[in-house]
Amino acid sequence: MEIIYALAIGVLTGSGVWLLLRPRTFQVIMGFSLLSYAVNLFIFGMGRLTVGRAPIIDTLKQVDPSLYNDPVPQALVLTAIVIGFATTALFLVVLLASRGLTGTDHVDGEESEP
């Protein structure tokens, strides 16, 4: 399970970095999105990858912290997903406005030939 998880994080990170190095603005935005997904998976994985643990503390039984999942990484990832979606939407609106003003979406501003 951990190997698949690590490979998924590695593929997302590698693809995100590759897209960040591209000259087109849309590809850079998608690279940032992939990198944020990789970071979210990494943070989520820090909350222990286990199956079958109770998500809620039962007050009637004795509290043993090793029996429960850590809710902080889950809350951080959920918040990061919402903020990432909002910033991606903002970047796309700015991209469309910039393309309308300049006529291109290249980072350096020069139009390339197809």
PDB file of N, CA and C in Angstrom:
ATOM      1  N   MET A   1       0.820  -1.195   0.000  1.00  0.00           N
ATOM      2  CA  MET A   1       0.000   0.000   0.000  1.00  0.00           C
ATOM      3  C   MET A   1       0.866   1.262   0.000  1.00  0.00           C
ATOM      4  N   GLU A   2       1.921   1.266   0.828  1.00  0.00           N
ATOM      5  CA  GLU A   2       2.771   2.443   0.920  1.00  0.00           C
ATOM      6  C   GLU A   2       3.546   2.682  -0.369  1.00  0.00           C
ATOM      7  N   ILE A   3       3.921   1.606  -1.059  1.00  0.00           N
ATOM      8  CA  ILE A   3       4.656   1.754  -2.318  1.00  0.00           C
ATOM      9  C   ILE A   3       3.774   2.405  -3.374  1.00  0.00           C
ATOM     10  N   ILE A   4       2.546   1.976  -3.480  1.00  0.00           N
ATOM     11  CA  ILE A   4       1.611   2.564  -4.453  1.00  0.00           C
ATOM     12  C   ILE A   4       1.362   4.024  -4.115  1.00  0.00           C
ATOM     13  N   TYR A   5       1.215   4.301  -2.838  1.00  0.00           N
ATOM     14  CA  TYR A   5       0.981   5.675  -2.380  1.00  0.00           C
ATOM     15  C   TYR A   5       2.180   6.567  -2.718  1.00  0.00           C
ATOM     16  N   ALA A   6       3.390   6.068  -2.442  1.00  0.00           N
ATOM     17  CA  ALA A   6       4.600   6.834  -2.738  1.00  0.00           C
ATOM     18  C   ALA A   6       4.766   7.034  -4.242  1.00  0.00           C
ATOM     19  N   LEU A   7       4.446   6.017  -5.031  1.00  0.00           N
ATOM     20  CA  LEU A   7       4.535   6.155  -6.489  1.00  0.00           C
ATOM     21  C   LEU A   7       3.538   7.187  -7.017  1.00  0.00           C
ATOM     22  N   ALA A   8       2.333   7.203  -6.455  1.00  0.00           N
ATOM     23  CA  ALA A   8       1.338   8.190  -6.877  1.00  0.00           C
ATOM     24  C   ALA A   8       1.819   9.602  -6.569  1.00  0.00           C
ATOM     25  N   ILE A   9       2.394   9.803  -5.394  1.00  0.00           N
ATOM     26  CA  ILE A   9       2.919  11.117  -5.038  1.00  0.00           C
ATOM     27  C   ILE A   9       4.075  11.491  -5.964  1.00  0.00           C
ATOM     28  N   GLY A  10       4.946  10.537  -6.259  1.00  0.00           N
ATOM     29  CA  GLY A  10       6.075  10.800  -7.145  1.00  0.00           C
ATOM     30  C   GLY A  10       5.648  11.141  -8.567  1.00  0.00           C
ATOM     31  N   VAL A  11       4.670  10.415  -9.091  1.00  0.00           N
ATOM     32  CA  VAL A  11       4.184  10.688 -10.450  1.00  0.00           C
ATOM     33  C   VAL A  11       3.518  12.062 -10.511  1.00  0.00           C
ATOM     34  N   LEU A  12       2.702  12.393  -9.507  1.00  0.00           N
ATOM     35  CA  LEU A  12       2.060  13.708  -9.492  1.00  0.00           C
ATOM     36  C   LEU A  12       3.100  14.826  -9.384  1.00  0.00           C
ATOM     37  N   THR A  13       4.113  14.639  -8.548  1.00  0.00           N
ATOM     38  CA  THR A  13       5.153  15.651  -8.389  1.00  0.00           C
ATOM     39  C   THR A  13       5.960  15.805  -9.674  1.00  0.00           C
ATOM     40  N   GLY A  14       6.361  14.696 -10.265  1.00  0.00           N
ATOM     41  CA  GLY A  14       7.133  14.758 -11.507  1.00  0.00           C
ATOM     42  C   GLY A  14       6.362  15.390 -12.647  1.00  0.00           C
ATOM     43  N   SER A  15       5.095  15.025 -12.781  1.00  0.00           N
ATOM     44  CA  SER A  15       4.266  15.616 -13.832  1.00  0.00           C
ATOM     45  C   SER A  15       4.040  17.101 -13.582  1.00  0.00           C
ATOM     46  N   GLY A  16       3.845  17.470 -12.322  1.00  0.00           N
ATOM     47  CA  GLY A  16       3.644  18.875 -11.986  1.00  0.00           C
ATOM     48  C   GLY A  16       4.869  19.715 -12.284  1.00  0.00           C
ATOM     49  N   VAL A  17       6.047  19.226 -11.930  1.00  0.00           N
ATOM     50  CA  VAL A  17       7.279  19.963 -12.216  1.00  0.00           C
ATOM     51  C   VAL A  17       7.496  20.069 -13.724  1.00  0.00           C
ATOM     52  N   TRP A  18       7.233  18.982 -14.452  1.00  0.00           N
ATOM     53  CA  TRP A  18       7.395  19.028 -15.907  1.00  0.00           C
ATOM     54  C   TRP A  18       6.467  20.074 -16.531  1.00  0.00           C
ATOM     55  N   LEU A  19       5.216  20.126 -16.060  1.00  0.00           N
ATOM     56  CA  LEU A  19       4.281  21.114 -16.590  1.00  0.00           C
ATOM     57  C   LEU A  19       4.653  22.537 -16.180  1.00  0.00           C
ATOM     58  N   LEU A  20       5.273  22.695 -15.007  1.00  0.00           N
ATOM     59  CA  LEU A  20       5.711  24.031 -14.595  1.00  0.00           C
ATOM     60  C   LEU A  20       6.790  24.591 -15.514  1.00  0.00           C
ATOM     61  N   LEU A  21       7.558  23.731 -16.124  1.00  0.00           N
ATOM     62  CA  LEU A  21       8.660  24.166 -16.987  1.00  0.00           C
ATOM     63  C   LEU A  21       8.217  24.428 -18.428  1.00  0.00           C
ATOM     64  N   ARG A  22       6.947  24.269 -18.722  1.00  0.00           N
ATOM     65  CA  ARG A  22       6.419  24.508 -20.055  1.00  0.00           C
ATOM     66  C   ARG A  22       6.203  26.004 -20.279  1.00  0.00           C
ATOM     67  N   PRO A  23       6.208  26.482 -21.525  1.00  0.00           N
ATOM     68  CA  PRO A  23       6.100  27.928 -21.770  1.00  0.00           C
ATOM     69  C   PRO A  23       4.672  28.471 -21.778  1.00  0.00           C
ATOM     70  N   ARG A  24       3.688  27.619 -21.750  1.00  0.00           N
ATOM     71  CA  ARG A  24       2.313  28.106 -21.847  1.00  0.00           C
ATOM     72  C   ARG A  24       1.693  28.235 -20.454  1.00  0.00           C
ATOM     73  N   THR A  25       0.917  29.274 -20.266  1.00  0.00           N
ATOM     74  CA  THR A  25       0.376  29.601 -18.956  1.00  0.00           C
ATOM     75  C   THR A  25      -0.581  28.529 -18.447  1.00  0.00           C
ATOM     76  N   PHE A  26      -1.423  27.996 -19.309  1.00  0.00           N
ATOM     77  CA  PHE A  26      -2.369  26.967 -18.872  1.00  0.00           C
ATOM     78  C   PHE A  26      -1.639  25.739 -18.344  1.00  0.00           C
ATOM     79  N   GLN A  27      -0.551  25.354 -18.997  1.00  0.00           N
ATOM     80  CA  GLN A  27       0.215  24.199 -18.541  1.00  0.00           C
ATOM     81  C   GLN A  27       0.877  24.471 -17.193  1.00  0.00           C
ATOM     82  N   VAL A  28       1.299  25.708 -16.973  1.00  0.00           N
ATOM     83  CA  VAL A  28       1.880  26.072 -15.682  1.00  0.00           C
ATOM     84  C   VAL A  28       0.822  25.976 -14.578  1.00  0.00           C
ATOM     85  N   ILE A  29      -0.388  26.436 -14.860  1.00  0.00           N
ATOM     86  CA  ILE A  29      -1.472  26.348 -13.877  1.00  0.00           C
ATOM     87  C   ILE A  29      -1.794  24.890 -13.569  1.00  0.00           C
ATOM     88  N   MET A  30      -1.837  24.041 -14.578  1.00  0.00           N
ATOM     89  CA  MET A  30      -2.089  22.621 -14.342  1.00  0.00           C
ATOM     90  C   MET A  30      -0.940  21.984 -13.558  1.00  0.00           C
ATOM     91  N   GLY A  31       0.291  22.433 -13.789  1.00  0.00           N
ATOM     92  CA  GLY A  31       1.431  21.941 -13.014  1.00  0.00           C
ATOM     93  C   GLY A  31       1.309  22.287 -11.541  1.00  0.00           C
ATOM     94  N   PHE A  32       0.887  23.531 -11.258  1.00  0.00           N
ATOM     95  CA  PHE A  32       0.652  23.922  -9.867  1.00  0.00           C
ATOM     96  C   PHE A  32      -0.459  23.073  -9.242  1.00  0.00           C
ATOM     97  N   SER A  33      -1.481  22.778 -10.007  1.00  0.00           N
ATOM     98  CA  SER A  33      -2.575  21.951  -9.490  1.00  0.00           C
ATOM     99  C   SER A  33      -2.078  20.539  -9.155  1.00  0.00           C
ATOM    100  N   LEU A  34      -1.286  19.950 -10.040  1.00  0.00           N
ATOM    101  CA  LEU A  34      -0.759  18.609  -9.778  1.00  0.00           C
ATOM    102  C   LEU A  34       0.162  18.602  -8.569  1.00  0.00           C
ATOM    103  N   LEU A  35       0.970  19.650  -8.429  1.00  0.00           N
ATOM    104  CA  LEU A  35       1.830  19.731  -7.251  1.00  0.00           C
ATOM    105  C   LEU A  35       1.021  19.864  -5.967  1.00  0.00           C
ATOM    106  N   SER A  36      -0.060  20.615  -6.022  1.00  0.00           N
ATOM    107  CA  SER A  36      -0.889  20.744  -4.818  1.00  0.00           C
ATOM    108  C   SER A  36      -1.563  19.415  -4.485  1.00  0.00           C
ATOM    109  N   TYR A  37      -1.951  18.645  -5.503  1.00  0.00           N
ATOM    110  CA  TYR A  37      -2.522  17.315  -5.244  1.00  0.00           C
ATOM    111  C   TYR A  37      -1.475  16.401  -4.605  1.00  0.00           C
ATOM    112  N   ALA A  38      -0.242  16.484  -5.071  1.00  0.00           N
ATOM    113  CA  ALA A  38       0.827  15.660  -4.500  1.00  0.00           C
ATOM    114  C   ALA A  38       1.073  16.027  -3.038  1.00  0.00           C
ATOM    115  N   VAL A  39       1.085  17.317  -2.737  1.00  0.00           N
ATOM    116  CA  VAL A  39       1.283  17.751  -1.349  1.00  0.00           C
ATOM    117  C   VAL A  39       0.107  17.314  -0.481  1.00  0.00           C
ATOM    118  N   ASN A  40      -1.106  17.404  -1.020  1.00  0.00           N
ATOM    119  CA  ASN A  40      -2.278  16.960  -0.267  1.00  0.00           C
ATOM    120  C   ASN A  40      -2.196  15.471   0.058  1.00  0.00           C
ATOM    121  N   LEU A  41      -1.792  14.665  -0.913  1.00  0.00           N
ATOM    122  CA  LEU A  41      -1.635  13.229  -0.656  1.00  0.00           C
ATOM    123  C   LEU A  41      -0.561  12.963   0.383  1.00  0.00           C
ATOM    124  N   PHE A  42       0.524  13.737   0.311  1.00  0.00           N
ATOM    125  CA  PHE A  42       1.607  13.563   1.278  1.00  0.00           C
ATOM    126  C   PHE A  42       1.128  13.892   2.688  1.00  0.00           C
ATOM    127  N   ILE A  43       0.435  15.020   2.845  1.00  0.00           N
ATOM    128  CA  ILE A  43      -0.078  15.403   4.163  1.00  0.00           C
ATOM    129  C   ILE A  43      -1.102  14.375   4.656  1.00  0.00           C
ATOM    130  N   PHE A  44      -1.957  13.913   3.761  1.00  0.00           N
ATOM    131  CA  PHE A  44      -2.951  12.910   4.137  1.00  0.00           C
ATOM    132  C   PHE A  44      -2.282  11.625   4.600  1.00  0.00           C
ATOM    133  N   GLY A  45      -1.195  11.263   3.952  1.00  0.00           N
ATOM    134  CA  GLY A  45      -0.459  10.061   4.333  1.00  0.00           C
ATOM    135  C   GLY A  45       0.221  10.181   5.685  1.00  0.00           C
ATOM    136  N   MET A  46       0.505  11.397   6.124  1.00  0.00           N
ATOM    137  CA  MET A  46       1.131  11.589   7.427  1.00  0.00           C
ATOM    138  C   MET A  46       0.169  11.269   8.568  1.00  0.00           C
ATOM    139  N   GLY A  47      -1.131  11.167   8.275  1.00  0.00           N
ATOM    140  CA  GLY A  47      -2.111  10.815   9.293  1.00  0.00           C
ATOM    141  C   GLY A  47      -2.244   9.324   9.494  1.00  0.00           C
ATOM    142  N   ARG A  48      -1.283   8.548   9.119  1.00  0.00           N
ATOM    143  CA  ARG A  48      -1.252   7.082   9.234  1.00  0.00           C
ATOM    144  C   ARG A  48      -2.199   6.419   8.241  1.00  0.00           C
ATOM    145  N   LEU A  49      -1.645   5.612   7.397  1.00  0.00           N
ATOM    146  CA  LEU A  49      -2.439   4.871   6.423  1.00  0.00           C
ATOM    147  C   LEU A  49      -2.881   3.547   7.050  1.00  0.00           C
ATOM    148  N   THR A  50      -4.051   3.558   7.647  1.00  0.00           N
ATOM    149  CA  THR A  50      -4.571   2.350   8.271  1.00  0.00           C
ATOM    150  C   THR A  50      -6.011   2.139   7.844  1.00  0.00           C
ATOM    151  N   VAL A  51      -6.432   0.904   7.931  1.00  0.00           N
ATOM    152  CA  VAL A  51      -7.809   0.554   7.594  1.00  0.00           C
ATOM    153  C   VAL A  51      -8.450  -0.063   8.829  1.00  0.00           C
ATOM    154  N   GLY A  52      -9.680   0.321   9.104  1.00  0.00           N
ATOM    155  CA  GLY A  52     -10.421  -0.293  10.194  1.00  0.00           C
ATOM    156  C   GLY A  52     -10.288   0.382  11.542  1.00  0.00           C
ATOM    157  N   ARG A  53      -9.675   1.556  11.595  1.00  0.00           N
ATOM    158  CA  ARG A  53      -9.595   2.268  12.867  1.00  0.00           C
ATOM    159  C   ARG A  53     -10.817   3.150  13.050  1.00  0.00           C
ATOM    160  N   ALA A  54     -11.203   3.357  14.276  1.00  0.00           N
ATOM    161  CA  ALA A  54     -12.389   4.159  14.575  1.00  0.00           C
ATOM    162  C   ALA A  54     -12.105   5.645  14.333  1.00  0.00           C
ATOM    163  N   PRO A  55     -13.009   6.338  13.645  1.00  0.00           N
ATOM    164  CA  PRO A  55     -12.795   7.760  13.399  1.00  0.00           C
ATOM    165  C   PRO A  55     -13.260   8.649  14.542  1.00  0.00           C
ATOM    166  N   ILE A  56     -14.021   8.095  15.484  1.00  0.00           N
ATOM    167  CA  ILE A  56     -14.609   8.888  16.564  1.00  0.00           C
ATOM    168  C   ILE A  56     -14.196   8.277  17.895  1.00  0.00           C
ATOM    169  N   ILE A  57     -13.957   9.136  18.877  1.00  0.00           N
ATOM    170  CA  ILE A  57     -13.597   8.652  20.214  1.00  0.00           C
ATOM    171  C   ILE A  57     -14.867   8.268  20.965  1.00  0.00           C
ATOM    172  N   ASP A  58     -14.873   7.074  21.484  1.00  0.00           N
ATOM    173  CA  ASP A  58     -15.999   6.594  22.281  1.00  0.00           C
ATOM    174  C   ASP A  58     -15.748   6.977  23.739  1.00  0.00           C
ATOM    175  N   THR A  59     -16.599   7.823  24.304  1.00  0.00           N
ATOM    176  CA  THR A  59     -16.385   8.319  25.662  1.00  0.00           C
ATOM    177  C   THR A  59     -16.695   7.274  26.722  1.00  0.00           C
ATOM    178  N   LEU A  60     -17.384   6.207  26.380  1.00  0.00           N
ATOM    179  CA  LEU A  60     -17.720   5.175  27.360  1.00  0.00           C
ATOM    180  C   LEU A  60     -16.553   4.231  27.632  1.00  0.00           C
ATOM    181  N   LYS A  61     -15.636   4.134  26.680  1.00  0.00           N
ATOM    182  CA  LYS A  61     -14.479   3.254  26.846  1.00  0.00           C
ATOM    183  C   LYS A  61     -13.259   4.086  27.218  1.00  0.00           C
ATOM    184  N   GLN A  62     -12.218   3.389  27.647  1.00  0.00           N
ATOM    185  CA  GLN A  62     -10.974   4.083  27.953  1.00  0.00           C
ATOM    186  C   GLN A  62     -10.351   4.588  26.657  1.00  0.00           C
ATOM    187  N   VAL A  63      -9.852   5.813  26.689  1.00  0.00           N
ATOM    188  CA  VAL A  63      -9.312   6.451  25.485  1.00  0.00           C
ATOM    189  C   VAL A  63      -7.863   6.025  25.296  1.00  0.00           C
ATOM    190  N   ASP A  64      -7.615   5.344  24.187  1.00  0.00           N
ATOM    191  CA  ASP A  64      -6.259   4.977  23.773  1.00  0.00           C
ATOM    192  C   ASP A  64      -6.004   5.638  22.428  1.00  0.00           C
ATOM    193  N   PRO A  65      -5.126   6.648  22.364  1.00  0.00           N
ATOM    194  CA  PRO A  65      -4.932   7.393  21.107  1.00  0.00           C
ATOM    195  C   PRO A  65      -4.445   6.545  19.933  1.00  0.00           C
ATOM    196  N   SER A  66      -3.821   5.409  20.204  1.00  0.00           N
ATOM    197  CA  SER A  66      -3.331   4.581  19.098  1.00  0.00           C
ATOM    198  C   SER A  66      -4.459   3.865  18.366  1.00  0.00           C
ATOM    199  N   LEU A  67      -5.660   3.872  18.945  1.00  0.00           N
ATOM    200  CA  LEU A  67      -6.796   3.213  18.310  1.00  0.00           C
ATOM    201  C   LEU A  67      -7.557   4.128  17.348  1.00  0.00           C
ATOM    202  N   TYR A  68      -7.198   5.396  17.287  1.00  0.00           N
ATOM    203  CA  TYR A  68      -7.977   6.365  16.519  1.00  0.00           C
ATOM    204  C   TYR A  68      -7.128   7.023  15.447  1.00  0.00           C
ATOM    205  N   ASN A  69      -7.796   7.446  14.386  1.00  0.00           N
ATOM    206  CA  ASN A  69      -7.124   8.185  13.327  1.00  0.00           C
ATOM    207  C   ASN A  69      -6.849   9.609  13.781  1.00  0.00           C
ATOM    208  N   ASP A  70      -5.826  10.222  13.182  1.00  0.00           N
ATOM    209  CA  ASP A  70      -5.501  11.613  13.477  1.00  0.00           C
ATOM    210  C   ASP A  70      -6.343  12.507  12.564  1.00  0.00           C
ATOM    211  N   PRO A  71      -7.234  13.343  13.090  1.00  0.00           N
ATOM    212  CA  PRO A  71      -8.112  14.153  12.247  1.00  0.00           C
ATOM    213  C   PRO A  71      -7.450  15.403  11.676  1.00  0.00           C
ATOM    214  N   VAL A  72      -6.291  15.813  12.198  1.00  0.00           N
ATOM    215  CA  VAL A  72      -5.675  17.070  11.759  1.00  0.00           C
ATOM    216  C   VAL A  72      -5.239  17.008  10.292  1.00  0.00           C
ATOM    217  N   PRO A  73      -4.526  15.964   9.841  1.00  0.00           N
ATOM    218  CA  PRO A  73      -4.167  15.937   8.420  1.00  0.00           C
ATOM    219  C   PRO A  73      -5.384  15.914   7.494  1.00  0.00           C
ATOM    220  N   GLN A  74      -6.446  15.234   7.919  1.00  0.00           N
ATOM    221  CA  GLN A  74      -7.655  15.204   7.098  1.00  0.00           C
ATOM    222  C   GLN A  74      -8.271  16.591   6.987  1.00  0.00           C
ATOM    223  N   ALA A  75      -8.296  17.323   8.085  1.00  0.00           N
ATOM    224  CA  ALA A  75      -8.844  18.683   8.062  1.00  0.00           C
ATOM    225  C   ALA A  75      -7.965  19.615   7.236  1.00  0.00           C
ATOM    226  N   LEU A  76      -6.641  19.462   7.329  1.00  0.00           N
ATOM    227  CA  LEU A  76      -5.734  20.289   6.538  1.00  0.00           C
ATOM    228  C   LEU A  76      -5.905  20.040   5.042  1.00  0.00           C
ATOM    229  N   VAL A  77      -6.034  18.786   4.672  1.00  0.00           N
ATOM    230  CA  VAL A  77      -6.192  18.455   3.260  1.00  0.00           C
ATOM    231  C   VAL A  77      -7.530  18.960   2.734  1.00  0.00           C
ATOM    232  N   LEU A  78      -8.579  18.819   3.510  1.00  0.00           N
ATOM    233  CA  LEU A  78      -9.882  19.310   3.080  1.00  0.00           C
ATOM    234  C   LEU A  78      -9.848  20.826   2.871  1.00  0.00           C
ATOM    235  N   THR A  79      -9.217  21.543   3.778  1.00  0.00           N
ATOM    236  CA  THR A  79      -9.076  22.985   3.631  1.00  0.00           C
ATOM    237  C   THR A  79      -8.213  23.328   2.424  1.00  0.00           C
ATOM    238  N   ALA A  80      -7.136  22.593   2.210  1.00  0.00           N
ATOM    239  CA  ALA A  80      -6.251  22.847   1.070  1.00  0.00           C
ATOM    240  C   ALA A  80      -6.950  22.587  -0.257  1.00  0.00           C
ATOM    241  N   ILE A  81      -7.830  21.602  -0.312  1.00  0.00           N
ATOM    242  CA  ILE A  81      -8.576  21.331  -1.540  1.00  0.00           C
ATOM    243  C   ILE A  81      -9.474  22.509  -1.887  1.00  0.00           C
ATOM    244  N   VAL A  82     -10.165  23.046  -0.889  1.00  0.00           N
ATOM    245  CA  VAL A  82     -11.063  24.173  -1.134  1.00  0.00           C
ATOM    246  C   VAL A  82     -10.274  25.408  -1.568  1.00  0.00           C
ATOM    247  N   ILE A  83      -9.184  25.707  -0.878  1.00  0.00           N
ATOM    248  CA  ILE A  83      -8.376  26.873  -1.230  1.00  0.00           C
ATOM    249  C   ILE A  83      -7.725  26.675  -2.591  1.00  0.00           C
ATOM    250  N   GLY A  84      -7.256  25.468  -2.882  1.00  0.00           N
ATOM    251  CA  GLY A  84      -6.646  25.194  -4.185  1.00  0.00           C
ATOM    252  C   GLY A  84      -7.635  25.355  -5.332  1.00  0.00           C
ATOM    253  N   PHE A  85      -8.860  24.910  -5.119  1.00  0.00           N
ATOM    254  CA  PHE A  85      -9.884  25.080  -6.152  1.00  0.00           C
ATOM    255  C   PHE A  85     -10.154  26.556  -6.408  1.00  0.00           C
ATOM    256  N   ALA A  86     -10.241  27.348  -5.353  1.00  0.00           N
ATOM    257  CA  ALA A  86     -10.512  28.781  -5.501  1.00  0.00           C
ATOM    258  C   ALA A  86      -9.361  29.497  -6.201  1.00  0.00           C
ATOM    259  N   THR A  87      -8.125  29.188  -5.841  1.00  0.00           N
ATOM    260  CA  THR A  87      -6.993  29.855  -6.489  1.00  0.00           C
ATOM    261  C   THR A  87      -6.840  29.417  -7.943  1.00  0.00           C
ATOM    262  N   THR A  88      -7.132  28.151  -8.235  1.00  0.00           N
ATOM    263  CA  THR A  88      -7.083  27.702  -9.630  1.00  0.00           C
ATOM    264  C   THR A  88      -8.130  28.424 -10.466  1.00  0.00           C
ATOM    265  N   ALA A  89      -9.328  28.592  -9.926  1.00  0.00           N
ATOM    266  CA  ALA A  89     -10.371  29.338 -10.639  1.00  0.00           C
ATOM    267  C   ALA A  89      -9.929  30.785 -10.867  1.00  0.00           C
ATOM    268  N   LEU A  90      -9.316  31.395  -9.856  1.00  0.00           N
ATOM    269  CA  LEU A  90      -8.818  32.766 -10.006  1.00  0.00           C
ATOM    270  C   LEU A  90      -7.732  32.838 -11.073  1.00  0.00           C
ATOM    271  N   PHE A  91      -6.784  31.894 -11.065  1.00  0.00           N
ATOM    272  CA  PHE A  91      -5.724  31.875 -12.076  1.00  0.00           C
ATOM    273  C   PHE A  91      -6.295  31.715 -13.480  1.00  0.00           C
ATOM    274  N   LEU A  92      -7.308  30.876 -13.630  1.00  0.00           N
ATOM    275  CA  LEU A  92      -7.901  30.683 -14.951  1.00  0.00           C
ATOM    276  C   LEU A  92      -8.610  31.942 -15.438  1.00  0.00           C
ATOM    277  N   VAL A  93      -9.260  32.673 -14.543  1.00  0.00           N
ATOM    278  CA  VAL A  93      -9.903  33.935 -14.929  1.00  0.00           C
ATOM    279  C   VAL A  93      -8.855  34.956 -15.338  1.00  0.00           C
ATOM    280  N   VAL A  94      -7.762  35.033 -14.585  1.00  0.00           N
ATOM    281  CA  VAL A  94      -6.678  35.955 -14.943  1.00  0.00           C
ATOM    282  C   VAL A  94      -6.050  35.531 -16.270  1.00  0.00           C
ATOM    283  N   LEU A  95      -5.909  34.232 -16.508  1.00  0.00           N
ATOM    284  CA  LEU A  95      -5.377  33.730 -17.776  1.00  0.00           C
ATOM    285  C   LEU A  95      -6.265  34.146 -18.940  1.00  0.00           C
ATOM    286  N   LEU A  96      -7.577  33.982 -18.786  1.00  0.00           N
ATOM    287  CA  LEU A  96      -8.491  34.376 -19.864  1.00  0.00           C
ATOM    288  C   LEU A  96      -8.441  35.878 -20.112  1.00  0.00           C
ATOM    289  N   ALA A  97      -8.343  36.688 -19.066  1.00  0.00           N
ATOM    290  CA  ALA A  97      -8.239  38.134 -19.233  1.00  0.00           C
ATOM    291  C   ALA A  97      -6.924  38.511 -19.910  1.00  0.00           C
ATOM    292  N   SER A  98      -5.842  37.862 -19.512  1.00  0.00           N
ATOM    293  CA  SER A  98      -4.542  38.140 -20.118  1.00  0.00           C
ATOM    294  C   SER A  98      -4.521  37.728 -21.581  1.00  0.00           C
ATOM    295  N   ARG A  99      -5.125  36.596 -21.889  1.00  0.00           N
ATOM    296  CA  ARG A  99      -5.178  36.144 -23.287  1.00  0.00           C
ATOM    297  C   ARG A  99      -6.016  37.093 -24.126  1.00  0.00           C
ATOM    298  N   GLY A 100      -7.102  37.626 -23.550  1.00  0.00           N
ATOM    299  CA  GLY A 100      -7.930  38.580 -24.280  1.00  0.00           C
ATOM    300  C   GLY A 100      -7.199  39.883 -24.554  1.00  0.00           C
ATOM    301  N   LEU A 101      -6.330  40.300 -23.624  1.00  0.00           N
ATOM    302  CA  LEU A 101      -5.605  41.559 -23.805  1.00  0.00           C
ATOM    303  C   LEU A 101      -4.399  41.413 -24.726  1.00  0.00           C
ATOM    304  N   THR A 102      -3.670  40.306 -24.603  1.00  0.00           N
ATOM    305  CA  THR A 102      -2.432  40.150 -25.373  1.00  0.00           C
ATOM    306  C   THR A 102      -2.600  39.281 -26.619  1.00  0.00           C
ATOM    307  N   GLY A 103      -3.613  38.439 -26.648  1.00  0.00           N
ATOM    308  CA  GLY A 103      -3.828  37.557 -27.791  1.00  0.00           C
ATOM    309  C   GLY A 103      -3.012  36.282 -27.743  1.00  0.00           C
ATOM    310  N   THR A 104      -2.294  36.031 -26.646  1.00  0.00           N
ATOM    311  CA  THR A 104      -1.492  34.821 -26.515  1.00  0.00           C
ATOM    312  C   THR A 104      -1.499  34.372 -25.062  1.00  0.00           C
ATOM    313  N   ASP A 105      -1.159  33.110 -24.829  1.00  0.00           N
ATOM    314  CA  ASP A 105      -1.046  32.638 -23.452  1.00  0.00           C
ATOM    315  C   ASP A 105       0.363  32.171 -23.126  1.00  0.00           C
ATOM    316  N   HIS A 106       1.337  32.617 -23.932  1.00  0.00           N
ATOM    317  CA  HIS A 106       2.729  32.301 -23.649  1.00  0.00           C
ATOM    318  C   HIS A 106       3.205  33.116 -22.469  1.00  0.00           C
ATOM    319  N   VAL A 107       4.097  32.552 -21.697  1.00  0.00           N
ATOM    320  CA  VAL A 107       4.631  33.237 -20.523  1.00  0.00           C
ATOM    321  C   VAL A 107       5.485  34.414 -20.965  1.00  0.00           C
ATOM    322  N   ASP A 108       6.289  34.236 -22.004  1.00  0.00           N
ATOM    323  CA  ASP A 108       7.167  35.301 -22.440  1.00  0.00           C
ATOM    324  C   ASP A 108       6.445  36.319 -23.345  1.00  0.00           C
ATOM    325  N   GLY A 109       5.223  36.050 -23.726  1.00  0.00           N
ATOM    326  CA  GLY A 109       4.440  37.012 -24.505  1.00  0.00           C
ATOM    327  C   GLY A 109       4.605  36.910 -26.006  1.00  0.00           C
ATOM    328  N   GLU A 110       5.510  36.034 -26.470  1.00  0.00           N
ATOM    329  CA  GLU A 110       5.716  35.905 -27.918  1.00  0.00           C
ATOM    330  C   GLU A 110       4.813  34.826 -28.471  1.00  0.00           C
ATOM    331  N   GLU A 111       4.263  35.088 -29.631  1.00  0.00           N
ATOM    332  CA  GLU A 111       3.394  34.118 -30.296  1.00  0.00           C
ATOM    333  C   GLU A 111       4.276  33.092 -31.019  1.00  0.00           C
ATOM    334  N   SER A 112       4.040  31.826 -30.794  1.00  0.00           N
ATOM    335  CA  SER A 112       4.807  30.787 -31.478  1.00  0.00           C
ATOM    336  C   SER A 112       4.039  30.328 -32.700  1.00  0.00           C
ATOM    337  N   GLU A 113       4.793  29.809 -33.656  1.00  0.00           N
ATOM    338  CA  GLU A 113       4.165  29.314 -34.877  1.00  0.00           C
ATOM    339  C   GLU A 113       3.746  27.869 -34.653  1.00  0.00           C
ATOM    340  N   PRO A 114       2.550  27.493 -35.137  1.00  0.00           N
ATOM    341  CA  PRO A 114       2.083  26.113 -34.927  1.00  0.00           C
ATOM    342  C   PRO A 114       2.853  25.098 -35.726  1.00  0.00           C
TER     343      PRO A 114
END
